[in-house]
Amino acid sequence: MRIFVDRWNQRLSLFRQPELGSRFSTKRFHCYLAFRLSFRCFQMNHPTDSYRALRVSLSRVRKLLARVPFDRCVSQLDHLKIQAFILLSHAAFEEYLEELSKSVARAAVNDCRGTGRISKVILALVSQEAILQVKHRDEPRKKVAVDSVADIPRFASVAAANLFRDIEKNHGIKIENQENLLLPIGINPEDFIEVSAAMDALGSKRGNVAHRSVIRVEDTRSSILHTVDQILRDLRELDKQACRNLSL
């Protein structure tokens, strides 16, 4: 308790005006609080809102498998339920990656425009957009004006707008999709190789289910639940890294 009081007094001492003796500068203190609150608005902590929504979505989807035998499928209905679970869990992970990318990029740009702070996300946004401007020169992509290149907040805003358009066109969670969604916010899927590979494999399963009319899958309730639960657990580190990138 004593340590807390001493630290608080140290902070309050910053707002006393020497020319007024010990009188407290309310205006300066309010400015400090406003800055701290605005800074906190741009920060994110794990679990992010996107991760919480993912957990809720998967908990609802699990109910599909409630009456499916644990280690085998004994009817076409069991196979259909597992197929539906694969499709819906895939959609939940896809939505998570998209929403995480949007929310982190938006927070970083607002922080940059409000405080001028250049986070790792801003650096990633700008550098990735610069690459895409050259790589996709002939595609309908919002161009970065020459005079805005030196204006980092403006450049980042254009980059974020283009990222949001790319997210709207995203369909899938395979490695290519992961790179398109995560590299602009400073996350390399290769740094999370296990969960990246697991999502890529789930993307392949989803493709097999979506593009075939055969009502049969090799997965059991046990195997597919293990896969999905493992991806969910492993995504925690990726979620934490996204939050750290906003403060670096």
Protein backbone atom coordinates (compact mmCIF):
# COMPACT_ATOMS: atom_id res chain seq x y z
CA MET A 1 0.00 0.00 0.00
CA ARG A 2 2.82 2.37 0.88
CA ILE A 3 4.49 1.74 -2.47
CA PHE A 4 1.25 2.56 -4.27
CA VAL A 5 0.85 5.84 -2.35
CA ASP A 6 4.46 6.87 -3.10
CA ARG A 7 4.04 6.18 -6.81
CA TRP A 8 0.79 8.14 -6.91
CA ASN A 9 2.40 11.09 -5.16
CA GLN A 10 5.26 11.00 -7.66
CA ARG A 11 2.81 11.24 -10.53
CA LEU A 12 0.87 14.05 -8.86
CA SER A 13 4.09 16.00 -8.35
CA LEU A 14 4.40 16.30 -12.13
CA PHE A 15 1.31 18.48 -12.18
CA ARG A 16 2.22 20.98 -9.47
CA GLN A 17 3.16 24.38 -10.84
CA PRO A 18 6.44 25.63 -9.30
CA GLU A 19 5.46 29.25 -9.79
CA LEU A 20 2.34 28.65 -7.72
CA GLY A 21 3.99 26.79 -4.89
CA SER A 22 2.25 23.57 -4.06
CA ARG A 23 -0.96 24.44 -5.90
CA PHE A 24 -2.14 21.67 -8.18
CA SER A 25 -2.59 22.23 -11.91
CA THR A 26 -5.96 20.70 -12.67
CA LYS A 27 -5.67 21.53 -16.36
CA ARG A 28 -2.35 19.74 -16.72
CA PHE A 29 -3.67 16.73 -14.81
CA HIS A 30 -6.76 16.52 -17.04
CA CYS A 31 -4.55 16.67 -20.12
CA TYR A 32 -2.47 13.82 -18.76
CA LEU A 33 -5.56 11.72 -18.05
CA ALA A 34 -6.95 12.44 -21.52
CA PHE A 35 -3.68 11.33 -23.11
CA ARG A 36 -3.51 8.14 -21.05
CA LEU A 37 -7.12 7.26 -21.81
CA SER A 38 -6.70 7.94 -25.53
CA PHE A 39 -3.55 5.82 -25.56
CA ARG A 40 -5.33 2.93 -23.84
CA CYS A 41 -8.14 3.09 -26.40
CA PHE A 42 -5.70 1.97 -29.08
CA GLN A 43 -4.32 -0.94 -27.07
CA MET A 44 -5.62 -4.50 -27.19
CA ASN A 45 -5.23 -7.31 -24.72
CA HIS A 46 -5.55 -11.06 -25.04
CA PRO A 47 -8.09 -12.46 -25.40
CA THR A 48 -9.19 -10.01 -28.07
CA ASP A 49 -12.85 -9.51 -28.90
CA SER A 50 -12.24 -11.57 -32.04
CA TYR A 51 -10.90 -14.49 -30.00
CA ARG A 52 -13.79 -14.33 -27.55
CA ALA A 53 -16.25 -14.39 -30.44
CA LEU A 54 -14.41 -17.38 -31.90
CA ARG A 55 -14.76 -19.34 -28.65
CA VAL A 56 -18.48 -18.58 -28.52
CA SER A 57 -18.99 -19.61 -32.15
CA LEU A 58 -17.16 -22.91 -31.72
CA SER A 59 -19.01 -23.74 -28.50
CA ARG A 60 -22.30 -23.35 -30.38
CA VAL A 61 -21.13 -25.38 -33.37
CA ARG A 62 -20.05 -28.27 -31.10
CA LYS A 63 -23.70 -28.95 -30.30
CA LEU A 64 -24.05 -30.42 -33.79
CA LEU A 65 -22.00 -33.43 -32.67
CA ALA A 66 -23.82 -34.05 -29.40
CA ARG A 67 -25.37 -37.37 -30.49
CA VAL A 68 -22.64 -38.52 -32.88
CA PRO A 69 -20.70 -41.58 -31.59
CA PHE A 70 -17.26 -40.62 -30.31
CA ASP A 71 -15.08 -42.88 -32.45
CA ARG A 72 -17.15 -43.78 -35.52
CA CYS A 73 -20.05 -42.80 -37.76
CA VAL A 74 -22.88 -45.31 -37.83
CA SER A 75 -25.24 -43.50 -40.19
CA GLN A 76 -25.34 -40.97 -43.00
CA LEU A 77 -26.73 -38.46 -40.53
CA ASP A 78 -23.56 -38.80 -38.45
CA HIS A 79 -21.45 -38.13 -41.55
CA LEU A 80 -23.60 -35.11 -42.42
CA LYS A 81 -23.22 -33.68 -38.93
CA ILE A 82 -19.43 -33.97 -39.09
CA GLN A 83 -19.41 -32.37 -42.54
CA ALA A 84 -21.51 -29.51 -41.21
CA PHE A 85 -19.19 -29.14 -38.23
CA ILE A 86 -16.15 -28.93 -40.54
CA LEU A 87 -17.82 -26.24 -42.67
CA LEU A 88 -18.99 -24.16 -39.72
CA SER A 89 -15.79 -24.42 -37.67
CA HIS A 90 -13.83 -23.45 -40.79
CA ALA A 91 -16.10 -20.41 -41.18
CA ALA A 92 -15.52 -19.48 -37.52
CA PHE A 93 -11.72 -19.56 -37.92
CA GLU A 94 -11.96 -17.59 -41.16
CA GLU A 95 -14.07 -14.94 -39.48
CA TYR A 96 -11.61 -14.78 -36.58
CA LEU A 97 -8.61 -14.11 -38.82
CA GLU A 98 -10.50 -11.49 -40.80
CA GLU A 99 -11.86 -9.66 -37.76
CA LEU A 100 -8.50 -9.77 -35.98
CA SER A 101 -6.77 -8.29 -39.01
CA LYS A 102 -9.34 -5.50 -39.31
CA SER A 103 -9.46 -4.60 -35.63
CA VAL A 104 -5.67 -4.55 -35.19
CA ALA A 105 -5.12 -2.51 -38.36
CA ARG A 106 -7.86 -0.06 -37.38
CA ALA A 107 -6.47 0.40 -33.86
CA ALA A 108 -2.93 0.94 -35.18
CA VAL A 109 -4.02 3.54 -37.72
CA ASN A 110 -6.14 5.42 -35.18
CA ASP A 111 -3.20 5.38 -32.77
CA CYS A 112 -0.85 6.67 -35.44
CA ARG A 113 -3.20 9.45 -36.50
CA GLY A 114 -4.01 10.40 -32.91
CA THR A 115 -0.60 10.23 -31.25
CA GLY A 116 1.87 9.92 -34.13
CA ARG A 117 3.19 6.66 -32.71
CA ILE A 118 4.61 4.19 -35.25
CA SER A 119 3.90 0.66 -34.08
CA LYS A 120 5.03 -2.61 -35.63
CA VAL A 121 1.59 -2.90 -37.20
CA ILE A 122 2.01 0.44 -38.97
CA LEU A 123 5.40 -0.60 -40.31
CA ALA A 124 3.93 -3.88 -41.54
CA LEU A 125 0.92 -2.18 -43.11
CA VAL A 126 3.03 0.34 -44.98
CA SER A 127 5.71 -2.09 -46.15
CA GLN A 128 3.17 -4.71 -47.25
CA GLU A 129 1.15 -2.10 -49.12
CA ALA A 130 4.27 -0.82 -50.86
CA ILE A 131 4.97 -4.36 -52.09
CA LEU A 132 1.38 -4.86 -53.26
CA GLN A 133 1.33 -1.50 -55.06
CA VAL A 134 4.17 -2.73 -57.26
CA LYS A 135 3.12 -6.38 -57.46
CA HIS A 136 -0.47 -5.63 -58.46
CA ARG A 137 0.10 -2.50 -60.47
CA ASP A 138 -2.58 -3.36 -63.04
CA GLU A 139 -5.28 -4.37 -60.57
CA PRO A 140 -8.03 -2.01 -59.31
CA ARG A 141 -6.30 -1.03 -56.11
CA LYS A 142 -6.41 2.36 -54.43
CA LYS A 143 -3.14 4.03 -55.31
CA VAL A 144 -0.93 5.85 -52.85
CA ALA A 145 -0.36 9.45 -53.92
CA VAL A 146 3.25 10.53 -54.24
CA ASP A 147 2.81 13.33 -51.70
CA SER A 148 1.43 10.91 -49.10
CA VAL A 149 4.41 8.54 -49.14
CA ALA A 150 6.27 10.73 -46.65
CA ASP A 151 3.08 11.13 -44.57
CA ILE A 152 3.06 7.86 -42.61
CA PRO A 153 -0.42 8.25 -41.03
CA ARG A 154 -1.92 9.02 -44.43
CA PHE A 155 -0.04 6.18 -46.11
CA ALA A 156 -1.17 3.78 -43.36
CA SER A 157 -4.79 4.88 -43.79
CA VAL A 158 -4.68 4.04 -47.50
CA ALA A 159 -2.98 0.72 -46.70
CA ALA A 160 -5.68 -0.14 -44.16
CA ALA A 161 -8.46 0.76 -46.62
CA ASN A 162 -6.93 -1.56 -49.20
CA LEU A 163 -6.51 -4.29 -46.58
CA PHE A 164 -10.20 -4.05 -45.69
CA ARG A 165 -11.08 -4.51 -49.37
CA ASP A 166 -8.79 -7.53 -49.56
CA ILE A 167 -10.46 -9.00 -46.47
CA GLU A 168 -13.88 -8.68 -48.12
CA LYS A 169 -12.57 -10.81 -51.00
CA ASN A 170 -10.99 -13.44 -48.75
CA HIS A 171 -12.33 -16.98 -48.87
CA GLY A 172 -10.45 -19.52 -46.80
CA ILE A 173 -7.85 -20.15 -44.11
CA LYS A 174 -5.15 -21.85 -46.14
CA ILE A 175 -1.60 -20.55 -45.90
CA GLU A 176 -2.05 -18.06 -48.74
CA ASN A 177 -5.14 -16.66 -47.04
CA GLN A 178 -3.30 -16.46 -43.72
CA GLU A 179 -0.47 -14.47 -45.29
CA ASN A 180 -2.88 -12.02 -46.91
CA LEU A 181 -4.63 -11.42 -43.60
CA LEU A 182 -1.77 -11.54 -41.11
CA LEU A 183 1.33 -10.15 -42.80
CA PRO A 184 -0.20 -6.63 -42.97
CA ILE A 185 -0.51 -6.60 -39.16
CA GLY A 186 3.03 -7.81 -38.56
CA ILE A 187 2.37 -11.55 -38.07
CA ASN A 188 4.17 -14.12 -40.19
CA PRO A 189 2.28 -17.44 -40.26
CA GLU A 190 5.63 -19.21 -40.47
CA ASP A 191 6.32 -18.09 -36.90
CA PHE A 192 3.27 -20.11 -35.84
CA ILE A 193 3.93 -23.06 -38.10
CA GLU A 194 1.91 -25.67 -36.17
CA VAL A 195 -1.35 -23.78 -36.01
CA SER A 196 -0.78 -22.43 -39.51
CA ALA A 197 -0.38 -25.95 -40.90
CA ALA A 198 -3.40 -27.17 -38.92
CA MET A 199 -5.60 -24.41 -40.35
CA ASP A 200 -4.26 -25.14 -43.83
CA ALA A 201 -5.23 -28.81 -43.39
CA LEU A 202 -8.67 -27.83 -42.12
CA GLY A 203 -9.02 -25.63 -45.19
CA SER A 204 -8.34 -28.67 -47.36
CA LYS A 205 -10.94 -30.70 -45.44
CA ARG A 206 -13.46 -27.95 -45.95
CA GLY A 207 -12.72 -27.94 -49.69
CA ASN A 208 -13.23 -31.68 -49.90
CA VAL A 209 -16.57 -31.41 -48.14
CA ALA A 210 -17.82 -28.37 -50.04
CA HIS A 211 -16.99 -29.66 -53.51
CA ARG A 212 -18.13 -33.26 -53.22
CA SER A 213 -21.61 -34.72 -53.12
CA VAL A 214 -20.59 -37.91 -51.33
CA ILE A 215 -22.10 -38.02 -47.84
CA ARG A 216 -19.11 -39.56 -46.14
CA VAL A 217 -16.03 -38.31 -44.30
CA GLU A 218 -13.02 -40.05 -42.84
CA ASP A 219 -13.05 -37.97 -39.66
CA THR A 220 -14.74 -39.09 -36.49
CA ARG A 221 -16.22 -36.89 -33.80
CA SER A 222 -13.11 -37.52 -31.70
CA SER A 223 -10.59 -36.60 -34.42
CA ILE A 224 -12.27 -33.45 -35.70
CA LEU A 225 -12.95 -32.11 -32.21
CA HIS A 226 -9.30 -32.70 -31.32
CA THR A 227 -8.20 -30.78 -34.44
CA VAL A 228 -10.48 -27.82 -33.81
CA ASP A 229 -9.71 -27.60 -30.09
CA GLN A 230 -5.98 -27.75 -30.80
CA ILE A 231 -6.22 -24.90 -33.32
CA LEU A 232 -8.22 -22.84 -30.84
CA ARG A 233 -5.59 -23.35 -28.12
CA ASP A 234 -2.67 -22.63 -30.42
CA LEU A 235 -4.28 -19.43 -31.70
CA ARG A 236 -3.85 -17.92 -28.24
CA GLU A 237 -0.17 -17.18 -28.93
CA LEU A 238 -1.00 -15.63 -32.27
CA ASP A 239 -3.69 -13.52 -30.60
CA LYS A 240 -1.19 -12.35 -27.98
CA GLN A 241 1.33 -11.45 -30.68
CA ALA A 242 -1.25 -9.33 -32.46
CA CYS A 243 -1.78 -7.37 -29.23
CA ARG A 244 1.98 -7.00 -28.66
CA ASN A 245 2.45 -5.65 -32.19
CA LEU A 246 0.28 -2.66 -31.31
CA SER A 247 2.62 -1.68 -28.49
CA LEU A 248 5.97 -2.32 -30.22
